Protein backbone atom coordinates (compact mmCIF):
# COMPACT_ATOMS: atom_id res chain seq x y z
CA MET A 1 142.26 99.46 63.98
CA LYS A 2 139.28 97.13 64.02
CA THR A 3 136.58 97.83 66.53
CA THR A 4 133.39 95.95 67.32
CA LEU A 5 130.17 97.62 68.32
CA PHE A 6 127.44 95.70 70.14
CA LEU A 7 123.99 97.20 69.93
CA LEU A 8 120.77 96.85 71.83
CA HIS A 9 117.80 98.46 70.14
CA ALA A 10 114.77 99.32 72.24
CA THR A 11 111.94 101.80 72.45
CA SER A 12 110.76 103.33 75.70
CA CYS A 13 107.79 104.83 77.40
CA TYR A 14 108.13 106.05 80.93
CA TRP A 15 106.37 105.54 84.25
CA LEU A 16 107.50 107.53 87.16
CA ALA A 17 110.22 109.84 86.05
CA GLY A 18 113.84 109.95 86.66
CA ALA A 19 116.90 108.30 82.62
CA THR A 20 119.58 109.86 80.94
CA LEU A 21 118.81 111.45 77.62
CA SER A 22 121.43 113.43 75.72
CA LYS A 23 120.81 116.45 73.54
CA THR A 24 120.35 115.67 69.89
CA ASP A 25 123.40 115.72 67.67
CA ALA A 26 124.12 119.23 66.47
CA LYS A 27 125.20 117.98 63.04
CA LYS A 28 122.24 117.94 60.67
CA PRO A 29 122.11 114.93 58.35
CA HIS A 30 121.61 115.38 54.64
CA LYS A 31 117.90 115.89 54.00
CA ALA A 32 117.83 113.41 51.15
CA GLU A 33 118.98 110.60 53.43
CA VAL A 34 116.61 111.02 56.35
CA GLU A 35 112.87 110.67 56.75
CA THR A 36 111.67 113.05 59.47
CA SER A 37 107.88 113.02 59.20
CA PRO A 38 105.98 111.32 62.05
CA ALA A 39 105.07 107.71 61.32
CA GLU A 40 101.50 106.45 61.59
CA SER A 41 102.69 102.90 62.30
CA SER A 42 105.28 101.47 64.68
CA VAL A 43 108.71 100.14 63.73
CA LEU A 44 107.29 96.63 64.10
CA GLU A 45 104.45 97.38 61.72
CA ARG A 46 106.87 98.99 59.25
CA GLY A 47 109.02 95.83 59.22
CA LEU A 48 112.11 97.51 60.68
CA VAL A 49 112.67 95.12 63.59
CA VAL A 50 114.47 92.29 61.83
CA SER A 51 117.56 90.14 62.37
CA ASP A 52 119.13 91.38 59.12
CA PRO A 53 118.69 95.19 59.06
CA HIS A 54 120.35 97.32 56.39
CA TRP A 55 122.31 100.38 57.47
CA LYS A 56 120.42 102.55 54.95
CA ASP A 57 117.09 101.75 56.60
CA ILE A 58 118.39 102.76 60.03
CA VAL A 59 119.87 106.03 58.73
CA ARG A 60 116.71 106.85 56.81
CA GLU A 61 114.28 106.06 59.64
CA GLU A 62 116.19 106.97 62.80
CA LYS A 63 114.56 110.38 63.29
CA ARG A 64 110.98 109.19 62.78
CA HIS A 65 108.71 108.58 65.71
CA CYS A 66 105.39 106.82 65.88
CA VAL A 67 102.44 109.00 66.81
CA HIS A 68 100.32 106.11 68.06
CA ILE A 69 102.40 104.19 70.61
CA LYS A 70 100.48 101.65 72.65
CA LYS A 71 101.77 99.93 75.75
CA THR A 72 101.06 96.23 75.28
CA PHE A 73 101.60 94.98 78.84
CA PRO A 74 99.78 95.77 82.11
CA GLY A 75 102.83 96.63 84.23
CA GLN A 76 104.36 99.98 85.13
CA VAL A 77 107.28 101.60 83.26
CA LEU A 78 110.07 103.55 84.92
CA GLY A 79 111.81 105.99 82.57
CA TYR A 80 115.01 107.80 83.48
CA VAL A 81 114.88 111.32 82.07
CA THR A 82 117.81 113.11 83.69
CA PRO A 83 119.82 112.78 86.92
CA CYS A 84 117.99 115.10 89.27
CA LEU A 85 118.94 114.94 92.93
CA GLN A 86 122.08 113.96 94.73
CA PHE A 87 122.20 113.34 98.44
CA GLY A 88 125.06 114.93 100.31
CA PHE A 89 126.03 113.97 103.86
CA SER A 90 127.81 116.36 106.16
CA SER A 91 128.82 116.19 109.78
CA ALA A 92 128.92 119.35 111.89
CA GLU A 93 131.57 119.39 114.56
CA GLY A 94 130.11 118.87 117.98
CA GLY A 95 126.57 118.62 116.62
CA PRO A 96 124.26 116.01 115.17
CA GLU A 97 124.69 114.77 111.59
CA THR A 98 122.58 116.55 109.03
CA PHE A 99 121.34 115.67 105.56
CA ASP A 100 121.68 118.16 102.72
CA VAL A 101 120.06 117.68 99.34
CA THR A 102 121.89 119.08 96.33
CA GLY A 103 120.80 119.19 92.72
CA LEU A 104 117.45 120.89 93.25
CA HIS A 105 118.54 123.61 90.82
CA ASP A 106 118.08 121.00 88.06
CA HIS A 107 114.42 120.59 88.92
CA ASP A 108 112.40 122.20 86.12
CA PRO A 109 108.84 122.84 87.40
CA GLY A 110 107.72 124.04 83.97
CA TRP A 111 108.80 120.81 82.29
CA VAL A 112 107.19 118.75 85.05
CA LYS A 113 103.93 120.69 84.66
CA GLY A 114 103.93 120.07 80.92
CA VAL A 115 104.49 116.33 81.35
CA ARG A 116 101.75 116.05 83.94
CA LYS A 117 99.36 117.97 81.70
CA ALA A 118 100.05 115.60 78.80
CA ASN A 119 99.54 112.49 80.93
CA LYS A 120 97.95 112.76 84.34
CA LYS A 121 98.92 109.19 85.24
CA ILE A 122 102.67 109.93 85.21
CA ARG A 123 104.29 110.24 88.62
CA MET A 124 107.62 111.96 89.26
CA VAL A 125 110.08 110.00 91.38
CA PRO A 126 113.54 111.65 91.06
CA ARG A 127 116.63 109.53 91.50
CA LEU A 128 118.51 110.02 94.78
CA LEU A 129 122.24 109.33 94.55
CA PHE A 130 124.31 108.59 97.64
CA ASP A 131 127.64 108.69 95.77
CA GLY A 132 129.12 111.41 97.97
CA TRP A 133 128.88 109.33 101.13
CA SER A 134 131.97 107.79 102.65
CA TYR A 135 131.94 104.33 104.22
CA GLN A 136 131.89 105.98 107.64
CA ASP A 137 128.87 108.06 106.64
CA TYR A 138 126.98 104.88 105.82
CA MET A 139 128.04 103.24 109.09
CA SER A 140 126.95 106.27 111.08
CA VAL A 141 123.47 106.28 109.58
CA LEU A 142 122.95 102.52 109.54
CA ALA A 143 123.81 102.31 113.23
CA SER A 144 121.42 105.06 114.33
CA GLU A 145 117.63 104.78 114.36
CA ASP A 146 117.43 108.52 114.97
CA GLU A 147 119.41 109.31 111.83
CA ILE A 148 117.39 106.84 109.74
CA GLU A 149 114.24 108.52 111.00
CA GLU A 150 115.66 111.96 110.22
CA LEU A 151 116.63 110.90 106.69
CA ALA A 152 113.16 109.52 105.96
CA SER A 153 111.48 112.65 107.32
CA GLU A 154 113.74 114.86 105.21
CA LEU A 155 112.66 112.98 102.08
CA VAL A 156 108.99 113.49 102.92
CA ASP A 157 109.57 117.21 103.42
CA ILE A 158 111.42 117.56 100.10
CA ALA A 159 108.72 115.65 98.22
CA LYS A 160 106.05 117.90 99.70
CA THR A 161 107.98 121.12 98.98
CA GLU A 162 109.02 120.22 95.42
CA GLY A 163 105.84 118.40 94.38
CA PHE A 164 107.46 115.00 93.86
CA ASP A 165 105.53 111.72 93.99
CA GLY A 166 108.30 109.79 95.74
CA PHE A 167 111.91 108.82 95.05
CA THR A 168 114.11 106.30 93.27
CA LEU A 169 116.85 105.26 95.70
CA GLU A 170 120.28 104.42 94.31
CA LEU A 171 122.43 103.35 97.23
CA TRP A 172 122.75 99.56 97.24
CA SER A 173 125.91 99.06 95.17
CA GLN A 174 127.98 101.64 97.04
CA LEU A 175 128.86 99.19 99.83
CA GLY A 176 129.94 96.43 97.46
CA GLY A 177 127.53 93.83 98.82
CA ASN A 178 128.34 94.46 102.49
CA LYS A 179 125.92 95.36 105.30
CA ARG A 180 122.93 93.85 103.48
CA LYS A 181 120.77 93.43 106.58
CA GLU A 182 121.42 97.00 107.64
CA LEU A 183 120.62 98.30 104.14
CA VAL A 184 117.39 96.29 104.10
CA HIS A 185 116.40 97.94 107.39
CA LEU A 186 117.24 101.41 106.05
CA VAL A 187 115.30 100.94 102.81
CA LYS A 188 112.35 99.44 104.67
CA HIS A 189 112.13 102.42 106.99
CA ILE A 190 112.41 104.97 104.17
CA CYS A 191 109.80 103.21 102.03
CA GLU A 192 107.36 102.72 104.90
CA THR A 193 107.65 106.41 105.83
CA LEU A 194 107.10 107.49 102.22
CA LYS A 195 104.12 105.18 101.82
CA THR A 196 102.36 106.69 104.87
CA LYS A 197 102.33 109.94 102.88
CA ARG A 198 101.22 108.18 99.66
CA LEU A 199 104.66 108.61 98.11
CA ASP A 200 106.32 106.00 95.89
CA CYS A 201 109.57 104.26 96.75
CA ILE A 202 111.67 102.65 93.99
CA LEU A 203 114.97 100.85 94.68
CA VAL A 204 117.73 100.51 92.09
CA ILE A 205 119.32 97.06 92.41
CA PRO A 206 122.39 95.44 90.79
CA PRO A 207 122.00 92.22 88.76
CA ALA A 208 121.35 89.10 90.82
CA VAL A 209 123.91 87.20 88.71
CA THR A 210 127.27 88.60 87.60
CA SER A 211 128.67 88.16 84.10
CA THR A 212 130.87 85.35 85.48
CA GLY A 213 127.83 83.47 86.80
CA GLN A 214 128.45 84.31 90.47
CA PRO A 215 125.71 85.58 92.83
CA GLY A 216 125.37 89.35 92.74
CA MET A 217 125.23 91.91 95.54
CA PHE A 218 121.44 91.70 95.80
CA GLY A 219 119.69 88.35 96.03
CA ARG A 220 116.41 86.60 96.60
CA GLU A 221 116.54 86.99 100.39
CA GLU A 222 116.79 90.79 100.19
CA PHE A 223 114.22 90.91 97.39
CA GLU A 224 111.59 88.98 99.36
CA GLU A 225 112.18 91.07 102.49
CA LEU A 226 111.74 94.35 100.64
CA ALA A 227 109.09 93.41 98.07
CA PRO A 228 106.12 94.10 100.40
CA VAL A 229 107.20 97.73 100.99
CA VAL A 230 109.05 98.69 97.79
CA ASP A 231 106.87 99.83 94.89
CA GLY A 232 109.37 98.71 92.25
CA PHE A 233 112.89 97.37 91.79
CA SER A 234 114.87 99.02 88.98
CA LEU A 235 116.97 96.02 87.92
CA MET A 236 120.30 96.86 86.23
CA THR A 237 120.27 94.20 83.50
CA TYR A 238 122.81 95.83 81.19
CA ASP A 239 126.58 96.39 80.83
CA TYR A 240 127.12 92.63 80.89
CA SER A 241 130.39 92.97 78.94
CA ASN A 242 133.25 95.32 79.72
CA GLY A 243 136.94 95.70 79.00
CA ALA A 244 138.47 95.13 75.57
CA LYS A 245 136.76 91.82 74.76
CA PRO A 246 133.66 92.44 72.61
CA GLY A 247 130.43 91.06 73.98
CA PRO A 248 126.71 91.71 74.37
CA SER A 249 125.20 94.41 76.56
CA SER A 250 122.25 92.39 77.86
CA PRO A 251 122.21 88.77 76.66
CA LEU A 252 118.69 87.40 76.99
CA PRO A 253 119.56 84.19 78.93
CA TRP A 254 121.42 86.28 81.53
CA VAL A 255 118.55 88.76 81.82
CA ARG A 256 116.11 85.90 82.33
CA ASP A 257 118.38 84.33 84.95
CA CYS A 258 118.62 87.62 86.88
CA ILE A 259 114.83 87.74 87.10
CA LEU A 260 114.33 84.11 88.06
CA GLN A 261 117.02 84.25 90.73
CA LEU A 262 115.06 87.02 92.47
CA ALA A 263 111.53 85.84 91.72
CA PRO A 264 111.30 82.12 90.84
CA THR A 265 107.56 82.39 91.44
CA ALA A 266 105.23 85.08 90.18
CA GLN A 267 104.29 86.49 93.60
CA TRP A 268 106.42 89.66 93.47
CA ARG A 269 107.73 89.49 89.91
CA GLN A 270 105.49 92.32 88.71
CA LYS A 271 107.55 94.70 90.88
CA ILE A 272 110.71 94.09 88.84
CA LEU A 273 111.30 96.99 86.43
CA LEU A 274 113.60 95.41 83.87
CA GLY A 275 116.50 97.67 82.90
CA LEU A 276 116.84 98.36 79.15
CA ASN A 277 119.87 100.37 78.06
CA LEU A 278 119.20 102.63 75.09
CA TYR A 279 122.84 102.63 74.00
CA GLY A 280 125.46 100.26 72.63
CA LEU A 281 129.04 99.36 73.57
CA ASP A 282 131.99 100.19 71.33
CA PHE A 283 134.98 97.87 71.82
CA ALA A 284 138.58 98.50 70.77
CA ALA A 285 142.00 97.28 71.92
CA GLN A 286 142.15 99.88 74.69
CA GLY A 287 138.76 99.00 76.17
CA SER A 288 135.07 99.70 75.72
CA GLU A 289 132.89 102.79 75.90
CA PRO A 290 129.16 103.50 75.62
CA ILE A 291 127.92 104.78 72.28
CA LEU A 292 124.72 106.77 71.78
CA GLY A 293 122.44 106.99 68.77
CA GLY A 294 124.01 110.04 67.13
CA ARG A 295 127.48 108.51 66.98
CA TYR A 296 126.06 105.16 65.88
CA VAL A 297 124.33 106.74 62.90
CA GLU A 298 127.56 108.56 62.00
CA ILE A 299 129.39 105.22 61.94
CA LEU A 300 126.72 103.69 59.72
CA ARG A 301 126.98 106.58 57.24
CA GLU A 302 130.76 106.54 57.16
CA HIS A 303 131.51 102.80 57.13
CA ARG A 304 128.26 101.26 55.80
CA PRO A 305 128.83 98.07 57.79
CA LYS A 306 126.82 94.87 57.65
CA HIS A 307 124.95 93.97 60.83
CA ALA A 308 125.50 90.50 62.26
CA TRP A 309 122.88 88.87 64.49
CA ASP A 310 123.96 87.06 67.66
CA GLU A 311 121.22 84.47 68.17
CA TYR A 312 122.25 83.61 71.74
CA SER A 313 122.23 87.13 73.18
CA GLY A 314 119.50 88.51 70.93
CA GLU A 315 121.64 91.49 69.88
CA HIS A 316 123.21 92.86 66.71
CA TYR A 317 126.84 93.83 66.28
CA ILE A 318 128.97 95.43 63.59
CA THR A 319 132.70 95.49 62.96
CA TYR A 320 134.42 98.49 61.38
CA LYS A 321 137.87 100.08 61.08
CA ARG A 322 138.69 103.36 62.74
């Protein structure tokens, strides 16, 4: 069976914390094939970022890291380290609704202390997921100023108790583009409350343009309303292609369009945190699935494919037989 793998190569630093990193592959590669010593120069300086890479170079260099990474732009960087918190909503019979936070057992104070010690400018803003909420839960909160106030106060208390610097809110896509005005009001209130306590407020937003060219669930109107109070918008500019038809993960013209639809002028554009996926997509007849670095390197070793460069999307792809 032929399968096509689209790749997006990127390097990352991180701003305020919260991405999903997997454990390294347990299988150790053959020592003769891999260079593991730290590199004094970047992949750009070593001539590895090219439109015609060879699989041997990727296999040889994939475990090397540069010891002198410099950020070459003035903006902030948001790096997702691991899913941390998940918001749960429960309703007590005959009593007021309450908000329960789950996932705090995943908070590793020792790791956080080590990161802060290494770089005092890093701020920790764990991701808050609202996946467990039903539609009725949303309606109950959106319709009640008291509950919105209670939710915002609960976040301040958690940040103070756990030593967080704010939160990254992931709740917009759950309503499928409905109740936008009410969601704007909710996010505004949460962010304003956090900011009074010098806490950061990041909002995860879906792409402004879908892969079919239609307007997305979050547009310029919502962006301009929230930009004055939101510290950053984590823009989901990835997963452009899905299903069984091979295609790019984040074609550059689409990424550019998503930005310009939200911020045609430069006034608030610096608050857009452009989403870069550090994975590829593996396509076969039965559909597509994400593929991480360890599996990608395995495929290169086994099949030794030739990389093709898609000029339009700015991504590489390979084709191999399973």
